[in-house]
Amino acid sequence: EGICVFQTGRNAGKTCEISHTQDMVMTLKFAAPLPIESGDTFLL
């Protein structure tokens, strides 16, 4: 129920709500505006 702010990648600067995490897999409440790619960094 927290927030994820993408720092790099196509979604850089975008804030997304976190639904839940499990086994190092993160699920957002709503899809990010643009595709998420390997290597994108984020701040939780």
All heavy atoms as atom14 arrays in JSON, in Angstrom:
{
  "sequence": "EGICVFQTGRNAGKTCEISHTQDMVMTLKFAAPLPIESGDTFLL",
  "atom14_mask": [
    [1, 1, 1, 1, 1, 1, 1, 1, 1, 0, 0, 0, 0, 0],
    [1, 1, 1, 1, 0, 0, 0, 0, 0, 0, 0, 0, 0, 0],
    [1, 1, 1, 1, 1, 1, 1, 1, 0, 0, 0, 0, 0, 0],
    [1, 1, 1, 1, 1, 1, 0, 0, 0, 0, 0, 0, 0, 0],
    [1, 1, 1, 1, 1, 1, 1, 0, 0, 0, 0, 0, 0, 0],
    [1, 1, 1, 1, 1, 1, 1, 1, 1, 1, 1, 0, 0, 0],
    [1, 1, 1, 1, 1, 1, 1, 1, 1, 0, 0, 0, 0, 0],
    [1, 1, 1, 1, 1, 1, 1, 0, 0, 0, 0, 0, 0, 0],
    [1, 1, 1, 1, 0, 0, 0, 0, 0, 0, 0, 0, 0, 0],
    [1, 1, 1, 1, 1, 1, 1, 1, 1, 1, 1, 0, 0, 0],
    [1, 1, 1, 1, 1, 1, 1, 1, 0, 0, 0, 0, 0, 0],
    [1, 1, 1, 1, 1, 0, 0, 0, 0, 0, 0, 0, 0, 0],
    [1, 1, 1, 1, 0, 0, 0, 0, 0, 0, 0, 0, 0, 0],
    [1, 1, 1, 1, 1, 1, 1, 1, 1, 0, 0, 0, 0, 0],
    [1, 1, 1, 1, 1, 1, 1, 0, 0, 0, 0, 0, 0, 0],
    [1, 1, 1, 1, 1, 1, 0, 0, 0, 0, 0, 0, 0, 0],
    [1, 1, 1, 1, 1, 1, 1, 1, 1, 0, 0, 0, 0, 0],
    [1, 1, 1, 1, 1, 1, 1, 1, 0, 0, 0, 0, 0, 0],
    [1, 1, 1, 1, 1, 1, 0, 0, 0, 0, 0, 0, 0, 0],
    [1, 1, 1, 1, 1, 1, 1, 1, 1, 1, 0, 0, 0, 0],
    [1, 1, 1, 1, 1, 1, 1, 0, 0, 0, 0, 0, 0, 0],
    [1, 1, 1, 1, 1, 1, 1, 1, 1, 0, 0, 0, 0, 0],
    [1, 1, 1, 1, 1, 1, 1, 1, 0, 0, 0, 0, 0, 0],
    [1, 1, 1, 1, 1, 1, 1, 1, 0, 0, 0, 0, 0, 0],
    [1, 1, 1, 1, 1, 1, 1, 0, 0, 0, 0, 0, 0, 0],
    [1, 1, 1, 1, 1, 1, 1, 1, 0, 0, 0, 0, 0, 0],
    [1, 1, 1, 1, 1, 1, 1, 0, 0, 0, 0, 0, 0, 0],
    [1, 1, 1, 1, 1, 1, 1, 1, 0, 0, 0, 0, 0, 0],
    [1, 1, 1, 1, 1, 1, 1, 1, 1, 0, 0, 0, 0, 0],
    [1, 1, 1, 1, 1, 1, 1, 1, 1, 1, 1, 0, 0, 0],
    [1, 1, 1, 1, 1, 0, 0, 0, 0, 0, 0, 0, 0, 0],
    [1, 1, 1, 1, 1, 0, 0, 0, 0, 0, 0, 0, 0, 0],
    [1, 1, 1, 1, 1, 1, 1, 0, 0, 0, 0, 0, 0, 0],
    [1, 1, 1, 1, 1, 1, 1, 1, 0, 0, 0, 0, 0, 0],
    [1, 1, 1, 1, 1, 1, 1, 0, 0, 0, 0, 0, 0, 0],
    [1, 1, 1, 1, 1, 1, 1, 1, 0, 0, 0, 0, 0, 0],
    [1, 1, 1, 1, 1, 1, 1, 1, 1, 0, 0, 0, 0, 0],
    [1, 1, 1, 1, 1, 1, 0, 0, 0, 0, 0, 0, 0, 0],
    [1, 1, 1, 1, 0, 0, 0, 0, 0, 0, 0, 0, 0, 0],
    [1, 1, 1, 1, 1, 1, 1, 1, 0, 0, 0, 0, 0, 0],
    [1, 1, 1, 1, 1, 1, 1, 0, 0, 0, 0, 0, 0, 0],
    [1, 1, 1, 1, 1, 1, 1, 1, 1, 1, 1, 0, 0, 0],
    [1, 1, 1, 1, 1, 1, 1, 1, 0, 0, 0, 0, 0, 0],
    [1, 1, 1, 1, 1, 1, 1, 1, 0, 0, 0, 0, 0, 0]
  ],
  "atom14_positions": [
    [[0.82, -1.22, 0.0], [0.0, 0.0, 0.0], [0.85, 1.26, 0.0], [0.33, 2.37, 0.16], [-0.96, 0.03, 1.2], [-1.83, -1.2, 1.33], [-2.76, -1.39, 0.16], [-3.23, -0.39, -0.37], [-3.0, -2.56, -0.22], [0.0, 0.0, 0.0], [0.0, 0.0, 0.0], [0.0, 0.0, 0.0], [0.0, 0.0, 0.0], [0.0, 0.0, 0.0]],
    [[2.17, 1.1, -0.21], [3.04, 2.26, -0.31], [3.14, 2.76, -1.73], [2.27, 2.48, -2.57], [0.0, 0.0, 0.0], [0.0, 0.0, 0.0], [0.0, 0.0, 0.0], [0.0, 0.0, 0.0], [0.0, 0.0, 0.0], [0.0, 0.0, 0.0], [0.0, 0.0, 0.0], [0.0, 0.0, 0.0], [0.0, 0.0, 0.0], [0.0, 0.0, 0.0]],
    [[4.2, 3.5, -2.03], [4.36, 4.03, -3.37], [5.73, 3.66, -3.93], [6.7, 3.49, -3.2], [4.18, 5.56, -3.42], [5.2, 6.26, -2.52], [2.78, 5.97, -3.04], [5.19, 7.77, -2.67], [0.0, 0.0, 0.0], [0.0, 0.0, 0.0], [0.0, 0.0, 0.0], [0.0, 0.0, 0.0], [0.0, 0.0, 0.0], [0.0, 0.0, 0.0]],
    [[5.77, 3.55, -5.25], [7.0, 3.25, -5.98], [7.23, 4.4, -6.97], [6.36, 4.67, -7.8], [6.87, 1.92, -6.71], [8.2, 1.58, -7.91], [0.0, 0.0, 0.0], [0.0, 0.0, 0.0], [0.0, 0.0, 0.0], [0.0, 0.0, 0.0], [0.0, 0.0, 0.0], [0.0, 0.0, 0.0], [0.0, 0.0, 0.0], [0.0, 0.0, 0.0]],
    [[8.39, 5.05, -6.85], [8.73, 6.13, -7.77], [9.9, 5.65, -8.63], [10.98, 5.37, -8.11], [9.12, 7.42, -7.02], [9.47, 8.52, -8.01], [8.01, 7.86, -6.09], [0.0, 0.0, 0.0], [0.0, 0.0, 0.0], [0.0, 0.0, 0.0], [0.0, 0.0, 0.0], [0.0, 0.0, 0.0], [0.0, 0.0, 0.0], [0.0, 0.0, 0.0]],
    [[9.68, 5.54, -9.92], [10.74, 5.1, -10.82], [11.77, 6.21, -10.98], [11.43, 7.37, -11.25], [10.16, 4.69, -12.17], [9.37, 3.41, -12.13], [7.99, 3.44, -11.97], [10.02, 2.2, -12.22], [7.26, 2.27, -11.92], [9.29, 1.01, -12.16], [7.9, 1.05, -12.01], [0.0, 0.0, 0.0], [0.0, 0.0, 0.0], [0.0, 0.0, 0.0]],
    [[13.03, 5.85, -10.84], [14.12, 6.81, -10.92], [14.73, 6.86, -12.31], [15.23, 7.91, -12.73], [15.2, 6.47, -9.89], [14.69, 6.34, -8.46], [14.18, 7.66, -7.92], [14.92, 8.62, -7.77], [12.87, 7.7, -7.63], [0.0, 0.0, 0.0], [0.0, 0.0, 0.0], [0.0, 0.0, 0.0], [0.0, 0.0, 0.0], [0.0, 0.0, 0.0]],
    [[14.74, 5.74, -13.01], [15.29, 5.68, -14.36], [14.33, 4.89, -15.24], [13.36, 4.32, -14.77], [16.68, 5.0, -14.36], [16.55, 3.65, -13.85], [17.67, 5.76, -13.5], [0.0, 0.0, 0.0], [0.0, 0.0, 0.0], [0.0, 0.0, 0.0], [0.0, 0.0, 0.0], [0.0, 0.0, 0.0], [0.0, 0.0, 0.0], [0.0, 0.0, 0.0]],
    [[14.65, 4.84, -16.52], [13.81, 4.11, -17.46], [12.74, 4.99, -18.08], [12.69, 6.2, -17.85], [0.0, 0.0, 0.0], [0.0, 0.0, 0.0], [0.0, 0.0, 0.0], [0.0, 0.0, 0.0], [0.0, 0.0, 0.0], [0.0, 0.0, 0.0], [0.0, 0.0, 0.0], [0.0, 0.0, 0.0], [0.0, 0.0, 0.0], [0.0, 0.0, 0.0]],
    [[11.86, 4.39, -18.83], [10.82, 5.14, -19.55], [9.8, 5.75, -18.6], [9.13, 6.72, -18.94], [10.13, 4.22, -20.56], [11.08, 3.68, -21.63], [10.4, 2.7, -22.55], [9.39, 3.37, -23.38], [8.63, 2.72, -24.26], [8.77, 1.41, -24.43], [7.73, 3.38, -24.97], [0.0, 0.0, 0.0], [0.0, 0.0, 0.0], [0.0, 0.0, 0.0]],
    [[9.67, 5.17, -17.4], [8.72, 5.69, -16.41], [9.39, 6.61, -15.39], [8.79, 6.89, -14.35], [8.04, 4.54, -15.68], [7.09, 3.77, -16.57], [6.07, 4.3, -17.02], [7.41, 2.51, -16.84], [0.0, 0.0, 0.0], [0.0, 0.0, 0.0], [0.0, 0.0, 0.0], [0.0, 0.0, 0.0], [0.0, 0.0, 0.0], [0.0, 0.0, 0.0]],
    [[10.58, 7.08, -15.67], [11.32, 7.91, -14.71], [10.47, 9.09, -14.25], [9.89, 9.81, -15.06], [12.62, 8.41, -15.33], [0.0, 0.0, 0.0], [0.0, 0.0, 0.0], [0.0, 0.0, 0.0], [0.0, 0.0, 0.0], [0.0, 0.0, 0.0], [0.0, 0.0, 0.0], [0.0, 0.0, 0.0], [0.0, 0.0, 0.0], [0.0, 0.0, 0.0]],
    [[10.38, 9.25, -12.92], [9.61, 10.33, -12.33], [8.16, 9.99, -12.06], [7.45, 10.76, -11.4], [0.0, 0.0, 0.0], [0.0, 0.0, 0.0], [0.0, 0.0, 0.0], [0.0, 0.0, 0.0], [0.0, 0.0, 0.0], [0.0, 0.0, 0.0], [0.0, 0.0, 0.0], [0.0, 0.0, 0.0], [0.0, 0.0, 0.0], [0.0, 0.0, 0.0]],
    [[7.69, 8.83, -12.52], [6.31, 8.43, -12.33], [6.12, 7.73, -10.99], [6.97, 6.93, -10.56], [5.83, 7.52, -13.45], [5.83, 8.2, -14.82], [4.94, 9.42, -14.82], [4.98, 10.16, -16.13], [4.16, 11.39, -16.1], [0.0, 0.0, 0.0], [0.0, 0.0, 0.0], [0.0, 0.0, 0.0], [0.0, 0.0, 0.0], [0.0, 0.0, 0.0]],
    [[5.01, 8.04, -10.33], [4.68, 7.45, -9.04], [3.56, 6.44, -9.2], [2.52, 6.76, -9.8], [4.25, 8.54, -8.04], [5.33, 9.46, -7.86], [3.88, 7.93, -6.69], [0.0, 0.0, 0.0], [0.0, 0.0, 0.0], [0.0, 0.0, 0.0], [0.0, 0.0, 0.0], [0.0, 0.0, 0.0], [0.0, 0.0, 0.0], [0.0, 0.0, 0.0]],
    [[3.76, 5.24, -8.69], [2.75, 4.18, -8.78], [2.49, 3.62, -7.39], [3.41, 3.5, -6.56], [3.23, 3.06, -9.7], [3.58, 3.57, -11.4], [0.0, 0.0, 0.0], [0.0, 0.0, 0.0], [0.0, 0.0, 0.0], [0.0, 0.0, 0.0], [0.0, 0.0, 0.0], [0.0, 0.0, 0.0], [0.0, 0.0, 0.0], [0.0, 0.0, 0.0]],
    [[1.25, 3.27, -7.12], [0.89, 2.67, -5.84], [1.22, 1.18, -5.85], [0.99, 0.5, -6.84], [-0.59, 2.87, -5.56], [-1.0, 4.31, -5.34], [-2.47, 4.44, -5.0], [-2.87, 3.98, -3.9], [-3.22, 4.96, -5.82], [0.0, 0.0, 0.0], [0.0, 0.0, 0.0], [0.0, 0.0, 0.0], [0.0, 0.0, 0.0], [0.0, 0.0, 0.0]],
    [[1.74, 0.7, -4.72], [2.1, -0.7, -4.58], [0.91, -1.47, -4.04], [0.3, -1.07, -3.04], [3.3, -0.88, -3.63], [4.49, -0.06, -4.13], [3.68, -2.35, -3.5], [5.63, 0.04, -3.13], [0.0, 0.0, 0.0], [0.0, 0.0, 0.0], [0.0, 0.0, 0.0], [0.0, 0.0, 0.0], [0.0, 0.0, 0.0], [0.0, 0.0, 0.0]],
    [[0.57, -2.56, -4.69], [-0.5, -3.43, -4.19], [0.07, -4.37, -3.12], [-0.34, -4.35, -1.97], [-1.14, -4.23, -5.33], [-2.09, -5.16, -4.82], [0.0, 0.0, 0.0], [0.0, 0.0, 0.0], [0.0, 0.0, 0.0], [0.0, 0.0, 0.0], [0.0, 0.0, 0.0], [0.0, 0.0, 0.0], [0.0, 0.0, 0.0], [0.0, 0.0, 0.0]],
    [[1.04, -5.2, -3.51], [1.69, -6.08, -2.55], [2.98, -6.63, -3.16], [3.21, -6.51, -4.37], [0.76, -7.24, -2.16], [0.38, -8.13, -3.31], [-0.67, -7.83, -4.16], [0.93, -9.29, -3.76], [-0.77, -8.77, -5.07], [0.18, -9.66, -4.86], [0.0, 0.0, 0.0], [0.0, 0.0, 0.0], [0.0, 0.0, 0.0], [0.0, 0.0, 0.0]],
    [[3.82, -7.2, -2.31], [5.05, -7.85, -2.75], [5.1, -9.26, -2.17], [4.61, -9.51, -1.07], [6.29, -7.06, -2.29], [6.29, -6.99, -0.86], [6.27, -5.66, -2.87], [0.0, 0.0, 0.0], [0.0, 0.0, 0.0], [0.0, 0.0, 0.0], [0.0, 0.0, 0.0], [0.0, 0.0, 0.0], [0.0, 0.0, 0.0], [0.0, 0.0, 0.0]],
    [[5.69, -10.16, -2.93], [5.82, -11.54, -2.47], [6.96, -12.21, -3.23], [6.98, -12.17, -4.47], [4.52, -12.31, -2.69], [4.55, -13.73, -2.13], [3.23, -14.44, -2.31], [2.32, -13.94, -2.98], [3.1, -15.61, -1.71], [0.0, 0.0, 0.0], [0.0, 0.0, 0.0], [0.0, 0.0, 0.0], [0.0, 0.0, 0.0], [0.0, 0.0, 0.0]],
    [[7.89, -12.8, -2.51], [9.0, -13.53, -3.12], [9.75, -12.66, -4.13], [10.05, -13.09, -5.25], [8.5, -14.8, -3.79], [7.88, -15.77, -2.8], [8.29, -15.75, -1.62], [6.97, -16.51, -3.19], [0.0, 0.0, 0.0], [0.0, 0.0, 0.0], [0.0, 0.0, 0.0], [0.0, 0.0, 0.0], [0.0, 0.0, 0.0], [0.0, 0.0, 0.0]],
    [[10.04, -11.43, -3.75], [10.8, -10.5, -4.58], [10.08, -10.14, -5.88], [10.7, -9.74, -6.87], [12.2, -11.04, -4.87], [13.03, -11.26, -3.59], [14.66, -11.97, -3.88], [15.53, -10.57, -4.61], [0.0, 0.0, 0.0], [0.0, 0.0, 0.0], [0.0, 0.0, 0.0], [0.0, 0.0, 0.0], [0.0, 0.0, 0.0], [0.0, 0.0, 0.0]],
    [[8.76, -10.3, -5.88], [7.94, -9.89, -7.01], [7.01, -8.78, -6.54], [6.29, -8.96, -5.55], [7.12, -11.06, -7.59], [6.17, -10.56, -8.68], [8.05, -12.12, -8.14], [0.0, 0.0, 0.0], [0.0, 0.0, 0.0], [0.0, 0.0, 0.0], [0.0, 0.0, 0.0], [0.0, 0.0, 0.0], [0.0, 0.0, 0.0], [0.0, 0.0, 0.0]],
    [[7.04, -7.64, -7.2], [6.22, -6.51, -6.81], [5.05, -6.36, -7.76], [5.2, -6.46, -8.97], [7.06, -5.23, -6.79], [6.3, -4.0, -6.31], [7.36, -2.54, -6.24], [8.61, -3.09, -5.07], [0.0, 0.0, 0.0], [0.0, 0.0, 0.0], [0.0, 0.0, 0.0], [0.0, 0.0, 0.0], [0.0, 0.0, 0.0], [0.0, 0.0, 0.0]],
    [[3.87, -6.11, -7.18], [2.66, -5.9, -7.97], [2.11, -4.52, -7.68], [1.92, -4.15, -6.52], [1.59, -6.96, -7.64], [2.14, -8.27, -7.86], [0.36, -6.77, -8.51], [0.0, 0.0, 0.0], [0.0, 0.0, 0.0], [0.0, 0.0, 0.0], [0.0, 0.0, 0.0], [0.0, 0.0, 0.0], [0.0, 0.0, 0.0], [0.0, 0.0, 0.0]],
    [[1.86, -3.76, -8.72], [1.32, -2.42, -8.6], [-0.2, -2.46, -8.64], [-0.8, -3.36, -9.23], [1.83, -1.52, -9.73], [3.35, -1.39, -9.87], [3.69, -0.53, -11.08], [3.98, -0.83, -8.61], [0.0, 0.0, 0.0], [0.0, 0.0, 0.0], [0.0, 0.0, 0.0], [0.0, 0.0, 0.0], [0.0, 0.0, 0.0], [0.0, 0.0, 0.0]],
    [[-0.84, -1.49, -8.02], [-2.3, -1.42, -8.04], [-2.81, -1.16, -9.45], [-3.81, -1.73, -9.88], [-2.8, -0.31, -7.1], [-2.81, -0.7, -5.64], [-3.54, 0.35, -4.81], [-3.64, -0.09, -3.36], [-4.38, 0.89, -2.53], [0.0, 0.0, 0.0], [0.0, 0.0, 0.0], [0.0, 0.0, 0.0], [0.0, 0.0, 0.0], [0.0, 0.0, 0.0]],
    [[-2.11, -0.28, -10.15], [-2.47, 0.07, -11.52], [-1.22, 0.0, -12.38], [-0.12, 0.27, -11.91], [-3.09, 1.46, -11.59], [-4.29, 1.64, -10.69], [-4.15, 2.28, -9.47], [-5.53, 1.15, -11.05], [-5.24, 2.45, -8.63], [-6.62, 1.3, -10.22], [-6.48, 1.94, -9.0], [0.0, 0.0, 0.0], [0.0, 0.0, 0.0], [0.0, 0.0, 0.0]],
    [[-1.4, -0.36, -13.62], [-0.27, -0.51, -14.53], [0.49, 0.8, -14.68], [-0.1, 1.89, -14.69], [-0.75, -1.0, -15.89], [0.0, 0.0, 0.0], [0.0, 0.0, 0.0], [0.0, 0.0, 0.0], [0.0, 0.0, 0.0], [0.0, 0.0, 0.0], [0.0, 0.0, 0.0], [0.0, 0.0, 0.0], [0.0, 0.0, 0.0], [0.0, 0.0, 0.0]],
    [[1.81, 0.69, -14.79], [2.64, 1.87, -15.05], [2.29, 2.43, -16.42], [1.85, 1.7, -17.32], [4.11, 1.49, -14.98], [0.0, 0.0, 0.0], [0.0, 0.0, 0.0], [0.0, 0.0, 0.0], [0.0, 0.0, 0.0], [0.0, 0.0, 0.0], [0.0, 0.0, 0.0], [0.0, 0.0, 0.0], [0.0, 0.0, 0.0], [0.0, 0.0, 0.0]],
    [[2.46, 3.74, -16.63], [2.1, 4.34, -17.91], [2.81, 3.72, -19.1], [2.21, 3.55, -20.16], [2.49, 5.81, -17.74], [2.52, 6.04, -16.27], [2.95, 4.75, -15.67], [0.0, 0.0, 0.0], [0.0, 0.0, 0.0], [0.0, 0.0, 0.0], [0.0, 0.0, 0.0], [0.0, 0.0, 0.0], [0.0, 0.0, 0.0], [0.0, 0.0, 0.0]],
    [[4.1, 3.39, -18.92], [4.91, 2.86, -20.01], [5.54, 1.53, -19.59], [5.58, 1.21, -18.4], [5.99, 3.87, -20.4], [5.46, 5.24, -20.88], [6.6, 6.23, -21.01], [4.69, 5.1, -22.17], [0.0, 0.0, 0.0], [0.0, 0.0, 0.0], [0.0, 0.0, 0.0], [0.0, 0.0, 0.0], [0.0, 0.0, 0.0], [0.0, 0.0, 0.0]],
    [[6.02, 0.74, -20.55], [6.61, -0.55, -20.21], [7.76, -0.44, -19.2], [8.58, 0.48, -19.27], [7.11, -1.07, -21.56], [6.23, -0.41, -22.56], [5.95, 0.95, -22.02], [0.0, 0.0, 0.0], [0.0, 0.0, 0.0], [0.0, 0.0, 0.0], [0.0, 0.0, 0.0], [0.0, 0.0, 0.0], [0.0, 0.0, 0.0], [0.0, 0.0, 0.0]],
    [[7.79, -1.37, -18.27], [8.87, -1.47, -17.27], [9.94, -2.39, -17.84], [9.63, -3.47, -18.36], [8.34, -2.01, -15.94], [7.24, -1.09, -15.41], [9.45, -2.14, -14.91], [6.5, -1.65, -14.22], [0.0, 0.0, 0.0], [0.0, 0.0, 0.0], [0.0, 0.0, 0.0], [0.0, 0.0, 0.0], [0.0, 0.0, 0.0], [0.0, 0.0, 0.0]],
    [[11.2, -2.0, -17.73], [12.29, -2.77, -18.34], [13.34, -3.15, -17.3], [13.48, -2.5, -16.26], [12.92, -1.95, -19.47], [11.94, -1.59, -20.58], [12.54, -0.65, -21.61], [13.57, -0.03, -21.28], [11.99, -0.54, -22.72], [0.0, 0.0, 0.0], [0.0, 0.0, 0.0], [0.0, 0.0, 0.0], [0.0, 0.0, 0.0], [0.0, 0.0, 0.0]],
    [[14.05, -4.21, -17.61], [15.14, -4.66, -16.74], [16.18, -3.56, -16.59], [16.55, -2.91, -17.57], [15.79, -5.91, -17.35], [16.93, -6.31, -16.6], [0.0, 0.0, 0.0], [0.0, 0.0, 0.0], [0.0, 0.0, 0.0], [0.0, 0.0, 0.0], [0.0, 0.0, 0.0], [0.0, 0.0, 0.0], [0.0, 0.0, 0.0], [0.0, 0.0, 0.0]],
    [[16.61, -3.33, -15.35], [17.59, -2.29, -15.07], [16.98, -1.0, -14.59], [17.71, -0.12, -14.1], [0.0, 0.0, 0.0], [0.0, 0.0, 0.0], [0.0, 0.0, 0.0], [0.0, 0.0, 0.0], [0.0, 0.0, 0.0], [0.0, 0.0, 0.0], [0.0, 0.0, 0.0], [0.0, 0.0, 0.0], [0.0, 0.0, 0.0], [0.0, 0.0, 0.0]],
    [[15.66, -0.85, -14.69], [15.01, 0.35, -14.16], [15.18, 0.39, -12.65], [14.98, -0.62, -11.97], [13.51, 0.35, -14.49], [13.24, 0.55, -15.97], [14.2, 0.78, -16.72], [12.06, 0.45, -16.37], [0.0, 0.0, 0.0], [0.0, 0.0, 0.0], [0.0, 0.0, 0.0], [0.0, 0.0, 0.0], [0.0, 0.0, 0.0], [0.0, 0.0, 0.0]],
    [[15.55, 1.52, -12.12], [15.69, 1.66, -10.67], [14.48, 2.39, -10.09], [13.78, 3.13, -10.8], [16.97, 2.45, -10.31], [16.92, 3.74, -10.93], [18.2, 1.7, -10.79], [0.0, 0.0, 0.0], [0.0, 0.0, 0.0], [0.0, 0.0, 0.0], [0.0, 0.0, 0.0], [0.0, 0.0, 0.0], [0.0, 0.0, 0.0], [0.0, 0.0, 0.0]],
    [[14.24, 2.17, -8.8], [13.06, 2.76, -8.18], [13.33, 3.08, -6.72], [14.27, 2.57, -6.1], [11.87, 1.79, -8.28], [12.15, 0.4, -7.77], [12.12, 0.11, -6.41], [12.48, -0.62, -8.65], [12.38, -1.17, -5.95], [12.75, -1.91, -8.19], [12.7, -2.18, -6.83], [0.0, 0.0, 0.0], [0.0, 0.0, 0.0], [0.0, 0.0, 0.0]],
    [[12.48, 3.93, -6.17], [12.51, 4.32, -4.76], [11.17, 3.96, -4.16], [10.13, 4.39, -4.65], [12.78, 5.81, -4.61], [12.69, 6.38, -3.18], [13.82, 5.83, -2.32], [12.74, 7.91, -3.21], [0.0, 0.0, 0.0], [0.0, 0.0, 0.0], [0.0, 0.0, 0.0], [0.0, 0.0, 0.0], [0.0, 0.0, 0.0], [0.0, 0.0, 0.0]],
    [[11.18, 3.17, -3.08], [9.96, 2.74, -2.42], [9.77, 3.49, -1.11], [10.73, 3.77, -0.39], [9.99, 1.24, -2.13], [10.24, 0.3, -3.31], [10.19, -1.15, -2.83], [9.24, 0.54, -4.43], [0.0, 0.0, 0.0], [0.0, 0.0, 0.0], [0.0, 0.0, 0.0], [0.0, 0.0, 0.0], [0.0, 0.0, 0.0], [0.0, 0.0, 0.0]]
  ]
}
